[in-house]
C-alpha cells in the first residue's frame, strides 16, 4: 500500500487532558481498590491471611501441583514410555528411559525403566498431562513441596508412584476408565432434516 492511497486511514492519537497525562484517574482508581480492602479488613473483619500450617489452604480444583505416575488396575505403572510428555515439556524437566515390557504384560510393548522429573525445573504448565495418551502422568493438588537439597527435588519413578499411593483416595484419576460392564445406551436425537 502506498502512502498516498485514498483507502489509507490516518488515525490520530486522542488528546489527553492534563490529569490523564499525569495518570491521575488511574491513581485514584488504584487508591479506591486499596481503600476497599482496608475497609474490608478493618470494619468487616475479612481475613486475608491464612495461618499456615495450622490452617491448610485448599487449592482450587484446577490447581496444578506435584506430579504423580498413575497405576493401572493390575497395580502396574500406566506409562508406556512413548516419550510424548518429555517431548511436550517446555522446561525439558522430564527424562524417560524406555525398556521392553516383560512378556507377562501383553497389553504394551514398552514401559519406563527410568522416569525422572526435576520438580525445581518444572513450570507446572500441565503439558505433560495433556500429551499423555494413556493418562499415566497427572498433576495433583499437593503444594507443600520441600527439600533440603536439589537432589531431593528430583522425583524418580519410585517417588512419583508413592505420590500416587498417597493421593489416589483423595484425588481419583481425572480420566479413569469407565467401570466394566455393558455400555450405557445412548439415544439418538432426531435429525432436524427429517
N, C-alpha and C. Protein backbone atom coordinates (compact mmCIF):
# COMPACT_ATOMS: atom_id res chain seq x y z
N UNK A 1 0.85 -1.17 0.00
CA UNK A 1 0.00 0.00 0.00
C UNK A 1 0.90 1.24 0.00
N UNK A 2 0.54 2.17 -0.82
CA UNK A 2 1.32 3.40 -0.93
C UNK A 2 0.83 4.43 0.08
N UNK A 3 1.68 5.39 0.39
CA UNK A 3 1.35 6.42 1.38
C UNK A 3 0.25 7.35 0.90
N UNK A 4 0.09 7.51 -0.42
CA UNK A 4 -0.94 8.41 -0.93
C UNK A 4 -2.22 7.68 -1.34
N UNK A 5 -2.36 6.43 -0.95
CA UNK A 5 -3.56 5.64 -1.28
C UNK A 5 -4.77 6.25 -0.57
N UNK A 6 -5.90 6.47 -1.30
CA UNK A 6 -7.07 7.08 -0.66
C UNK A 6 -7.75 6.16 0.36
N UNK A 7 -7.52 4.86 0.28
CA UNK A 7 -8.13 3.92 1.25
C UNK A 7 -7.40 3.93 2.60
N UNK A 8 -6.24 4.50 2.62
CA UNK A 8 -5.44 4.54 3.83
C UNK A 8 -6.05 5.53 4.82
N UNK A 9 -6.40 5.03 6.01
CA UNK A 9 -6.98 5.90 7.06
C UNK A 9 -5.87 6.31 8.02
N UNK A 10 -5.84 7.55 8.32
CA UNK A 10 -4.88 8.04 9.30
C UNK A 10 -5.62 8.22 10.62
N UNK A 11 -5.07 7.60 11.64
CA UNK A 11 -5.69 7.69 12.96
C UNK A 11 -4.78 8.53 13.85
N UNK A 12 -5.36 9.56 14.41
CA UNK A 12 -4.62 10.43 15.31
C UNK A 12 -4.82 9.96 16.74
N UNK A 13 -3.79 9.98 17.56
CA UNK A 13 -3.98 9.60 18.97
C UNK A 13 -4.88 10.63 19.64
N UNK A 14 -5.70 10.17 20.61
CA UNK A 14 -6.61 11.11 21.27
C UNK A 14 -5.83 12.14 22.09
N UNK A 15 -6.39 13.32 22.20
CA UNK A 15 -5.77 14.38 23.00
C UNK A 15 -6.04 14.08 24.47
N UNK A 16 -5.00 14.05 25.27
CA UNK A 16 -5.13 13.76 26.70
C UNK A 16 -5.25 15.06 27.48
N UNK A 17 -6.07 15.00 28.51
CA UNK A 17 -6.16 16.16 29.40
C UNK A 17 -4.93 16.18 30.29
N UNK A 18 -4.78 17.24 31.04
CA UNK A 18 -3.64 17.36 31.94
C UNK A 18 -3.67 16.25 33.00
N UNK A 19 -4.86 15.94 33.54
CA UNK A 19 -4.98 14.89 34.55
C UNK A 19 -4.61 13.52 33.96
N UNK A 20 -5.03 13.27 32.72
CA UNK A 20 -4.72 11.99 32.08
C UNK A 20 -3.23 11.87 31.78
N UNK A 21 -2.58 12.98 31.48
CA UNK A 21 -1.15 12.92 31.23
C UNK A 21 -0.36 12.56 32.48
N UNK A 22 -0.86 12.92 33.64
CA UNK A 22 -0.20 12.58 34.90
C UNK A 22 -0.79 11.32 35.53
N UNK A 23 -1.65 10.59 34.80
CA UNK A 23 -2.26 9.33 35.24
C UNK A 23 -3.08 9.48 36.51
N UNK A 24 -3.66 10.65 36.75
CA UNK A 24 -4.44 10.87 37.96
C UNK A 24 -5.69 9.99 38.04
N UNK A 25 -6.45 9.77 36.97
CA UNK A 25 -7.61 8.87 37.09
C UNK A 25 -7.20 7.44 37.46
N UNK A 26 -6.12 6.95 36.90
CA UNK A 26 -5.67 5.60 37.20
C UNK A 26 -5.17 5.48 38.64
N UNK A 27 -4.49 6.52 39.12
CA UNK A 27 -4.01 6.51 40.51
C UNK A 27 -5.20 6.53 41.46
N UNK A 28 -6.22 7.35 41.16
CA UNK A 28 -7.40 7.40 42.02
C UNK A 28 -8.13 6.06 42.03
N UNK A 29 -8.20 5.39 40.88
CA UNK A 29 -8.86 4.09 40.82
C UNK A 29 -8.09 3.06 41.66
N UNK A 30 -6.76 3.07 41.58
CA UNK A 30 -5.95 2.15 42.38
C UNK A 30 -6.08 2.41 43.86
N UNK A 31 -6.13 3.68 44.25
CA UNK A 31 -6.31 4.01 45.67
C UNK A 31 -7.69 3.59 46.15
N UNK A 32 -8.68 3.64 45.27
CA UNK A 32 -10.03 3.18 45.63
C UNK A 32 -10.05 1.69 45.92
N UNK A 33 -9.35 0.90 45.11
CA UNK A 33 -9.27 -0.55 45.34
C UNK A 33 -8.58 -0.83 46.67
N UNK A 34 -7.47 -0.15 46.92
CA UNK A 34 -6.76 -0.33 48.18
C UNK A 34 -7.63 0.08 49.36
N UNK A 35 -8.35 1.18 49.22
CA UNK A 35 -9.24 1.63 50.29
C UNK A 35 -10.34 0.62 50.59
N UNK A 36 -10.91 -0.01 49.56
CA UNK A 36 -11.94 -1.03 49.79
C UNK A 36 -11.38 -2.22 50.56
N UNK A 37 -10.14 -2.60 50.27
CA UNK A 37 -9.51 -3.70 51.00
C UNK A 37 -9.27 -3.32 52.46
N UNK A 38 -8.81 -2.10 52.69
CA UNK A 38 -8.55 -1.64 54.06
C UNK A 38 -9.85 -1.62 54.86
N UNK A 39 -10.92 -1.08 54.27
CA UNK A 39 -12.22 -1.04 54.95
C UNK A 39 -12.72 -2.45 55.22
N UNK A 40 -12.54 -3.36 54.25
CA UNK A 40 -12.99 -4.74 54.44
C UNK A 40 -12.30 -5.43 55.59
N UNK A 41 -11.01 -5.18 55.77
CA UNK A 41 -10.26 -5.81 56.84
C UNK A 41 -10.54 -5.12 58.17
N UNK A 42 -10.59 -3.80 58.17
CA UNK A 42 -10.72 -3.05 59.43
C UNK A 42 -12.13 -3.15 60.02
N UNK A 43 -13.16 -3.05 59.20
CA UNK A 43 -14.51 -2.97 59.74
C UNK A 43 -15.34 -4.24 59.54
N UNK A 44 -15.11 -4.94 58.46
CA UNK A 44 -15.92 -6.13 58.20
C UNK A 44 -15.21 -7.40 58.65
N UNK A 45 -14.01 -7.28 59.14
CA UNK A 45 -13.21 -8.39 59.67
C UNK A 45 -13.04 -9.52 58.65
N UNK A 46 -12.79 -9.17 57.40
CA UNK A 46 -12.50 -10.18 56.38
C UNK A 46 -11.05 -10.60 56.55
N UNK A 47 -10.83 -11.88 56.75
CA UNK A 47 -9.48 -12.39 56.92
C UNK A 47 -8.82 -12.57 55.55
N UNK A 48 -7.64 -12.06 55.41
CA UNK A 48 -6.89 -12.23 54.17
C UNK A 48 -5.81 -13.28 54.36
N UNK A 49 -5.22 -13.29 55.54
CA UNK A 49 -4.10 -14.18 55.81
C UNK A 49 -4.60 -15.53 56.32
N UNK A 50 -3.99 -16.60 55.81
CA UNK A 50 -4.26 -17.95 56.30
C UNK A 50 -3.13 -18.31 57.24
N UNK A 51 -3.45 -18.82 58.40
CA UNK A 51 -2.44 -19.16 59.41
C UNK A 51 -1.83 -20.52 59.10
N UNK A 52 -1.00 -20.56 58.05
CA UNK A 52 -0.36 -21.80 57.64
C UNK A 52 0.79 -22.10 58.60
N UNK A 53 1.03 -23.30 59.04
CA UNK A 53 0.47 -24.59 58.68
C UNK A 53 -0.71 -25.03 59.54
N UNK A 54 -1.11 -24.22 60.53
CA UNK A 54 -2.25 -24.62 61.35
C UNK A 54 -3.52 -24.71 60.51
N UNK A 55 -3.72 -23.74 59.62
CA UNK A 55 -4.84 -23.77 58.68
C UNK A 55 -4.29 -24.14 57.32
N UNK A 56 -4.78 -25.22 56.78
CA UNK A 56 -4.31 -25.66 55.46
C UNK A 56 -5.10 -24.96 54.37
N UNK A 57 -4.39 -24.47 53.39
CA UNK A 57 -5.02 -23.85 52.22
C UNK A 57 -5.64 -24.94 51.36
N UNK A 58 -6.85 -24.73 50.87
CA UNK A 58 -7.49 -25.67 49.97
C UNK A 58 -7.39 -25.09 48.56
N UNK A 59 -6.56 -25.70 47.71
CA UNK A 59 -6.41 -25.14 46.36
C UNK A 59 -7.65 -25.37 45.52
N UNK A 60 -7.77 -24.60 44.46
CA UNK A 60 -8.91 -24.75 43.56
C UNK A 60 -8.80 -26.09 42.83
N UNK A 61 -9.92 -26.58 42.28
CA UNK A 61 -9.90 -27.89 41.61
C UNK A 61 -8.94 -27.96 40.42
N UNK A 62 -8.66 -26.84 39.79
CA UNK A 62 -7.76 -26.87 38.64
C UNK A 62 -6.32 -26.51 39.00
N UNK A 63 -5.98 -26.56 40.28
CA UNK A 63 -4.62 -26.28 40.72
C UNK A 63 -3.68 -27.38 40.22
N UNK A 64 -2.49 -27.00 39.81
CA UNK A 64 -1.51 -27.97 39.33
C UNK A 64 -0.33 -27.99 40.29
N UNK A 65 -0.20 -29.10 41.03
CA UNK A 65 0.88 -29.25 42.00
C UNK A 65 1.82 -30.38 41.61
N UNK A 66 2.27 -31.13 42.59
CA UNK A 66 3.26 -32.19 42.41
C UNK A 66 2.74 -33.26 41.43
N UNK A 67 3.63 -33.79 40.62
CA UNK A 67 3.28 -34.84 39.67
C UNK A 67 3.08 -36.18 40.36
N UNK A 68 2.37 -37.06 39.67
CA UNK A 68 2.28 -38.45 40.10
C UNK A 68 2.20 -39.32 38.86
N UNK A 69 2.69 -40.55 39.00
CA UNK A 69 2.54 -41.55 37.95
C UNK A 69 1.41 -42.48 38.38
N UNK A 70 0.42 -42.64 37.52
CA UNK A 70 -0.73 -43.47 37.85
C UNK A 70 -0.43 -44.94 37.63
N UNK A 71 -1.18 -45.76 38.35
CA UNK A 71 -1.09 -47.22 38.19
C UNK A 71 -2.38 -47.72 37.57
N UNK A 72 -2.30 -48.86 36.87
CA UNK A 72 -3.49 -49.44 36.26
C UNK A 72 -4.17 -50.39 37.25
N UNK A 73 -5.18 -51.10 36.78
CA UNK A 73 -5.95 -51.98 37.67
C UNK A 73 -5.14 -53.18 38.14
N UNK A 74 -4.00 -53.49 37.50
CA UNK A 74 -3.13 -54.60 37.90
C UNK A 74 -1.98 -54.10 38.77
N UNK A 75 -2.07 -52.85 39.25
CA UNK A 75 -1.06 -52.22 40.10
C UNK A 75 0.28 -52.07 39.39
N UNK A 76 0.24 -51.92 38.05
CA UNK A 76 1.44 -51.66 37.27
C UNK A 76 1.43 -50.20 36.87
N UNK A 77 2.59 -49.67 36.57
CA UNK A 77 2.68 -48.29 36.09
C UNK A 77 1.95 -48.19 34.75
N UNK A 78 1.15 -47.14 34.57
CA UNK A 78 0.38 -46.99 33.34
C UNK A 78 1.21 -46.51 32.16
N UNK A 79 2.36 -45.93 32.43
CA UNK A 79 3.20 -45.34 31.38
C UNK A 79 3.65 -46.41 30.39
N UNK A 80 3.61 -46.06 29.10
CA UNK A 80 4.05 -46.96 28.03
C UNK A 80 5.33 -46.45 27.38
N UNK A 81 6.02 -45.52 28.00
CA UNK A 81 7.30 -44.97 27.55
C UNK A 81 7.23 -44.48 26.10
N UNK A 82 6.18 -43.73 25.78
CA UNK A 82 6.05 -43.18 24.42
C UNK A 82 6.83 -41.89 24.25
N UNK A 83 7.26 -41.29 25.34
CA UNK A 83 8.07 -40.07 25.37
C UNK A 83 7.31 -38.81 24.97
N UNK A 84 5.99 -38.88 24.84
CA UNK A 84 5.24 -37.69 24.45
C UNK A 84 5.28 -36.61 25.52
N UNK A 85 5.25 -37.00 26.79
CA UNK A 85 5.30 -36.00 27.86
C UNK A 85 6.64 -35.27 27.86
N UNK A 86 7.72 -36.01 27.66
CA UNK A 86 9.04 -35.38 27.62
C UNK A 86 9.18 -34.48 26.40
N UNK A 87 8.55 -34.87 25.30
CA UNK A 87 8.60 -34.05 24.09
C UNK A 87 7.79 -32.78 24.25
N UNK A 88 6.64 -32.87 24.91
CA UNK A 88 5.76 -31.71 25.08
C UNK A 88 6.24 -30.75 26.15
N UNK A 89 7.10 -31.18 27.04
CA UNK A 89 7.53 -30.36 28.18
C UNK A 89 8.36 -29.16 27.71
N UNK A 90 7.88 -27.92 27.93
CA UNK A 90 8.66 -26.75 27.51
C UNK A 90 9.88 -26.50 28.38
N UNK A 91 9.89 -27.02 29.60
CA UNK A 91 11.02 -26.80 30.51
C UNK A 91 12.07 -27.91 30.40
N UNK A 92 11.78 -28.97 29.65
CA UNK A 92 12.69 -30.10 29.48
C UNK A 92 13.10 -30.68 30.83
N UNK A 93 12.12 -30.91 31.68
CA UNK A 93 12.42 -31.42 33.02
C UNK A 93 12.10 -32.91 33.17
N UNK A 94 11.60 -33.55 32.12
CA UNK A 94 11.24 -34.97 32.19
C UNK A 94 12.26 -35.78 31.42
N UNK A 95 12.76 -36.85 32.05
CA UNK A 95 13.71 -37.75 31.42
C UNK A 95 13.20 -39.17 31.57
N UNK A 96 13.03 -39.86 30.44
CA UNK A 96 12.50 -41.22 30.46
C UNK A 96 13.46 -42.14 29.72
N UNK A 97 13.71 -43.31 30.31
CA UNK A 97 14.46 -44.37 29.65
C UNK A 97 13.49 -45.54 29.49
N UNK A 98 13.17 -45.87 28.25
CA UNK A 98 12.22 -46.95 27.99
C UNK A 98 12.92 -48.29 27.89
N UNK A 99 12.16 -49.34 28.17
CA UNK A 99 12.65 -50.71 28.06
C UNK A 99 11.51 -51.58 27.55
N UNK A 100 11.86 -52.73 27.01
CA UNK A 100 10.84 -53.66 26.53
C UNK A 100 10.05 -54.19 27.72
N UNK A 101 8.75 -54.26 27.54
CA UNK A 101 7.88 -54.74 28.62
C UNK A 101 8.07 -56.24 28.82
N UNK A 102 7.90 -56.72 30.04
CA UNK A 102 8.01 -58.16 30.29
C UNK A 102 6.95 -58.93 29.49
N UNK A 103 7.21 -60.17 29.18
CA UNK A 103 6.22 -60.96 28.42
C UNK A 103 4.88 -61.12 29.14
N UNK A 104 4.88 -60.94 30.46
CA UNK A 104 3.63 -61.06 31.21
C UNK A 104 2.73 -59.84 31.04
N UNK A 105 3.19 -58.83 30.32
CA UNK A 105 2.40 -57.63 30.07
C UNK A 105 2.01 -57.61 28.59
N UNK A 106 0.99 -58.31 28.19
CA UNK A 106 0.65 -58.41 26.77
C UNK A 106 0.04 -57.14 26.18
N UNK A 107 -0.38 -56.20 27.04
CA UNK A 107 -1.08 -55.01 26.56
C UNK A 107 -0.15 -53.86 26.16
N UNK A 108 1.16 -54.04 26.26
CA UNK A 108 2.08 -52.96 25.89
C UNK A 108 3.42 -53.51 25.44
N UNK A 109 4.10 -52.69 24.65
CA UNK A 109 5.42 -53.08 24.15
C UNK A 109 6.54 -52.59 25.05
N UNK A 110 6.36 -51.39 25.64
CA UNK A 110 7.41 -50.78 26.44
C UNK A 110 6.87 -50.30 27.78
N UNK A 111 7.78 -50.08 28.68
CA UNK A 111 7.47 -49.44 29.96
C UNK A 111 8.68 -48.60 30.35
N UNK A 112 8.53 -47.64 31.26
CA UNK A 112 9.69 -46.81 31.62
C UNK A 112 10.59 -47.51 32.63
N UNK A 113 11.80 -47.79 32.20
CA UNK A 113 12.78 -48.35 33.12
C UNK A 113 13.18 -47.28 34.13
N UNK A 114 13.26 -46.05 33.64
CA UNK A 114 13.57 -44.90 34.48
C UNK A 114 12.65 -43.75 34.07
N UNK A 115 12.08 -43.08 35.04
CA UNK A 115 11.20 -41.93 34.80
C UNK A 115 11.57 -40.89 35.84
N UNK A 116 12.10 -39.75 35.41
CA UNK A 116 12.60 -38.74 36.34
C UNK A 116 12.02 -37.38 35.97
N UNK A 117 11.52 -36.65 36.97
CA UNK A 117 11.06 -35.28 36.78
C UNK A 117 11.82 -34.38 37.75
N UNK A 118 12.41 -33.33 37.21
CA UNK A 118 13.10 -32.33 38.03
C UNK A 118 12.05 -31.31 38.44
N UNK A 119 11.55 -31.41 39.68
CA UNK A 119 10.46 -30.54 40.15
C UNK A 119 10.91 -29.08 40.30
N UNK A 120 12.21 -28.84 40.42
CA UNK A 120 12.69 -27.46 40.50
C UNK A 120 12.70 -26.78 39.14
N UNK A 121 12.85 -27.55 38.11
CA UNK A 121 12.88 -27.01 36.76
C UNK A 121 11.48 -26.89 36.16
N UNK A 122 10.55 -27.68 36.66
CA UNK A 122 9.19 -27.73 36.12
C UNK A 122 8.47 -26.40 36.32
N UNK A 123 7.67 -26.00 35.33
CA UNK A 123 6.89 -24.77 35.44
C UNK A 123 5.41 -25.08 35.69
N UNK A 124 5.07 -26.35 35.89
CA UNK A 124 3.72 -26.79 36.25
C UNK A 124 2.67 -26.29 35.25
N UNK A 125 2.99 -26.42 33.97
CA UNK A 125 2.08 -25.95 32.92
C UNK A 125 1.02 -26.98 32.58
N UNK A 126 1.26 -28.26 32.86
CA UNK A 126 0.29 -29.30 32.57
C UNK A 126 0.40 -29.88 31.17
N UNK A 127 1.41 -29.49 30.40
CA UNK A 127 1.55 -30.01 29.04
C UNK A 127 1.83 -31.51 29.04
N UNK A 128 2.56 -32.01 30.02
CA UNK A 128 2.84 -33.45 30.10
C UNK A 128 1.54 -34.23 30.29
N UNK A 129 0.70 -33.70 31.14
CA UNK A 129 -0.59 -34.34 31.43
C UNK A 129 -1.47 -34.36 30.18
N UNK A 130 -1.46 -33.26 29.43
CA UNK A 130 -2.26 -33.17 28.20
C UNK A 130 -1.74 -34.09 27.12
N UNK A 131 -0.41 -34.26 27.05
CA UNK A 131 0.19 -35.03 25.97
C UNK A 131 0.09 -36.53 26.17
N UNK A 132 -0.06 -36.98 27.38
CA UNK A 132 -0.03 -38.41 27.68
C UNK A 132 -1.26 -39.12 27.10
N UNK A 133 -1.06 -40.09 26.21
CA UNK A 133 -2.20 -40.78 25.60
C UNK A 133 -2.86 -41.82 26.52
N UNK A 134 -2.19 -42.22 27.59
CA UNK A 134 -2.74 -43.25 28.47
C UNK A 134 -3.03 -42.73 29.88
N UNK A 135 -3.01 -41.42 30.06
CA UNK A 135 -3.27 -40.77 31.35
C UNK A 135 -2.38 -41.33 32.46
N UNK A 136 -1.10 -41.50 32.14
CA UNK A 136 -0.17 -42.06 33.12
C UNK A 136 0.38 -41.00 34.06
N UNK A 137 0.45 -39.75 33.62
CA UNK A 137 1.02 -38.69 34.46
C UNK A 137 -0.06 -37.66 34.74
N UNK A 138 -0.15 -37.24 35.98
CA UNK A 138 -1.11 -36.22 36.38
C UNK A 138 -0.46 -35.27 37.37
N UNK A 139 -0.99 -34.07 37.42
CA UNK A 139 -0.57 -33.10 38.43
C UNK A 139 -1.60 -33.13 39.55
N UNK A 140 -1.14 -33.22 40.77
CA UNK A 140 -2.04 -33.34 41.92
C UNK A 140 -2.25 -31.98 42.57
N UNK A 141 -2.99 -31.97 43.65
CA UNK A 141 -3.23 -30.75 44.40
C UNK A 141 -2.22 -30.52 45.52
N UNK A 142 -1.19 -31.34 45.60
CA UNK A 142 -0.18 -31.16 46.65
C UNK A 142 0.67 -29.93 46.34
N UNK A 143 0.77 -29.03 47.29
CA UNK A 143 1.53 -27.80 47.06
C UNK A 143 2.67 -27.61 48.04
N UNK A 144 2.71 -28.35 49.13
CA UNK A 144 3.77 -28.16 50.13
C UNK A 144 4.96 -29.05 49.81
N UNK A 145 5.62 -28.71 48.73
CA UNK A 145 6.75 -29.45 48.22
C UNK A 145 8.04 -28.84 48.77
N UNK A 146 8.78 -29.61 49.55
CA UNK A 146 10.01 -29.09 50.14
C UNK A 146 11.12 -30.11 49.98
N UNK A 147 12.33 -29.64 50.06
CA UNK A 147 13.50 -30.49 50.02
C UNK A 147 14.69 -29.73 50.57
N UNK A 148 15.62 -30.45 51.14
CA UNK A 148 16.81 -29.82 51.72
C UNK A 148 17.95 -29.70 50.73
N UNK A 149 17.83 -30.37 49.58
CA UNK A 149 18.86 -30.29 48.56
C UNK A 149 18.21 -30.41 47.19
N UNK A 150 18.97 -30.09 46.17
CA UNK A 150 18.45 -30.20 44.80
C UNK A 150 18.14 -31.66 44.46
N UNK A 151 18.92 -32.58 44.97
CA UNK A 151 18.72 -33.99 44.68
C UNK A 151 17.38 -34.49 45.23
N UNK A 152 16.94 -33.94 46.35
CA UNK A 152 15.65 -34.35 46.91
C UNK A 152 14.47 -33.86 46.08
N UNK A 153 14.69 -32.88 45.23
CA UNK A 153 13.62 -32.34 44.40
C UNK A 153 13.57 -32.99 43.02
N UNK A 154 14.40 -33.97 42.79
CA UNK A 154 14.34 -34.73 41.56
C UNK A 154 13.56 -36.00 41.86
N UNK A 155 12.36 -36.10 41.31
CA UNK A 155 11.46 -37.20 41.61
C UNK A 155 11.67 -38.32 40.60
N UNK A 156 12.05 -39.50 41.11
CA UNK A 156 12.20 -40.66 40.24
C UNK A 156 10.90 -41.46 40.24
N UNK A 157 10.92 -42.58 39.54
CA UNK A 157 9.70 -43.39 39.38
C UNK A 157 9.14 -43.83 40.73
N UNK A 158 9.98 -44.22 41.65
CA UNK A 158 9.51 -44.68 42.96
C UNK A 158 8.81 -43.56 43.72
N UNK A 159 9.39 -42.37 43.70
CA UNK A 159 8.80 -41.24 44.40
C UNK A 159 7.48 -40.81 43.75
N UNK A 160 7.42 -40.83 42.41
CA UNK A 160 6.20 -40.45 41.70
C UNK A 160 5.08 -41.46 41.94
N UNK A 161 5.42 -42.74 42.04
CA UNK A 161 4.41 -43.76 42.35
C UNK A 161 3.96 -43.65 43.81
N UNK A 162 4.85 -43.22 44.70
CA UNK A 162 4.44 -43.04 46.10
C UNK A 162 3.49 -41.85 46.23
N UNK A 163 3.64 -40.84 45.37
CA UNK A 163 2.69 -39.72 45.37
C UNK A 163 1.32 -40.24 44.93
N UNK A 164 1.28 -41.17 43.97
CA UNK A 164 0.01 -41.78 43.55
C UNK A 164 -0.63 -42.51 44.73
N UNK A 165 0.17 -43.31 45.44
CA UNK A 165 -0.37 -44.05 46.59
C UNK A 165 -0.91 -43.11 47.66
N UNK A 166 -0.26 -41.97 47.84
CA UNK A 166 -0.68 -41.01 48.87
C UNK A 166 -1.91 -40.22 48.46
N UNK A 167 -2.14 -40.05 47.15
CA UNK A 167 -3.23 -39.18 46.71
C UNK A 167 -4.37 -39.90 45.99
N UNK A 168 -4.27 -41.22 45.80
CA UNK A 168 -5.28 -41.91 44.99
C UNK A 168 -6.67 -41.87 45.60
N UNK A 169 -6.78 -41.84 46.91
CA UNK A 169 -8.11 -41.78 47.53
C UNK A 169 -8.67 -40.37 47.54
N UNK A 170 -7.83 -39.39 47.87
CA UNK A 170 -8.29 -38.00 47.93
C UNK A 170 -8.50 -37.42 46.54
N UNK A 171 -7.69 -37.83 45.60
CA UNK A 171 -7.78 -37.31 44.22
C UNK A 171 -7.80 -38.48 43.25
N UNK A 172 -8.98 -39.04 42.95
CA UNK A 172 -9.01 -40.13 41.99
C UNK A 172 -8.53 -39.66 40.62
N UNK A 173 -8.14 -40.62 39.80
CA UNK A 173 -7.63 -40.26 38.47
C UNK A 173 -8.68 -39.46 37.72
N UNK A 174 -8.24 -38.40 37.06
CA UNK A 174 -9.16 -37.49 36.37
C UNK A 174 -9.86 -38.17 35.21
N UNK A 175 -9.14 -39.02 34.52
CA UNK A 175 -9.69 -39.63 33.32
C UNK A 175 -9.76 -41.14 33.49
N UNK A 176 -10.25 -41.58 34.61
CA UNK A 176 -10.32 -43.01 34.88
C UNK A 176 -11.25 -43.69 33.88
N UNK A 177 -10.93 -44.93 33.58
CA UNK A 177 -11.76 -45.69 32.64
C UNK A 177 -13.12 -45.94 33.25
N UNK A 178 -14.16 -46.03 32.43
CA UNK A 178 -15.49 -46.32 32.98
C UNK A 178 -15.52 -47.71 33.58
N UNK A 179 -16.41 -47.96 34.53
CA UNK A 179 -16.45 -49.27 35.16
C UNK A 179 -16.81 -50.34 34.14
N UNK A 180 -16.30 -51.59 34.34
CA UNK A 180 -16.60 -52.64 33.38
C UNK A 180 -18.10 -52.97 33.38
N UNK A 181 -18.55 -53.45 32.27
CA UNK A 181 -19.97 -53.79 32.14
C UNK A 181 -20.49 -53.31 30.81
N UNK A 182 -21.77 -53.48 30.59
CA UNK A 182 -22.32 -53.05 29.30
C UNK A 182 -22.27 -51.54 29.17
N UNK A 183 -22.07 -51.11 27.95
CA UNK A 183 -22.01 -49.67 27.69
C UNK A 183 -23.39 -49.07 27.88
N UNK A 184 -23.47 -47.87 28.42
CA UNK A 184 -24.79 -47.26 28.60
C UNK A 184 -25.43 -46.98 27.25
N UNK A 185 -26.74 -47.12 27.22
CA UNK A 185 -27.46 -46.88 25.98
C UNK A 185 -27.50 -45.39 25.69
N UNK A 186 -27.32 -45.08 24.43
CA UNK A 186 -27.41 -43.69 24.02
C UNK A 186 -28.59 -43.53 23.09
N UNK A 187 -29.32 -42.46 23.28
CA UNK A 187 -30.48 -42.19 22.45
C UNK A 187 -30.05 -41.27 21.32
N UNK A 188 -30.47 -41.62 20.16
CA UNK A 188 -30.21 -40.77 19.00
C UNK A 188 -31.31 -39.73 18.91
N UNK A 189 -30.92 -38.48 18.82
CA UNK A 189 -31.89 -37.42 18.65
C UNK A 189 -32.31 -37.35 17.20
N UNK A 190 -33.56 -37.02 16.94
CA UNK A 190 -33.98 -36.93 15.53
C UNK A 190 -33.26 -35.80 14.84
N UNK A 191 -32.94 -36.03 13.60
CA UNK A 191 -32.26 -35.02 12.81
C UNK A 191 -33.23 -33.90 12.46
N UNK A 192 -32.75 -32.65 12.49
CA UNK A 192 -33.65 -31.56 12.11
C UNK A 192 -34.03 -31.62 10.65
N UNK A 193 -33.34 -32.44 9.87
CA UNK A 193 -33.65 -32.54 8.45
C UNK A 193 -34.77 -33.54 8.19
N UNK A 194 -35.12 -34.38 9.17
CA UNK A 194 -36.19 -35.38 8.98
C UNK A 194 -37.54 -34.75 8.91
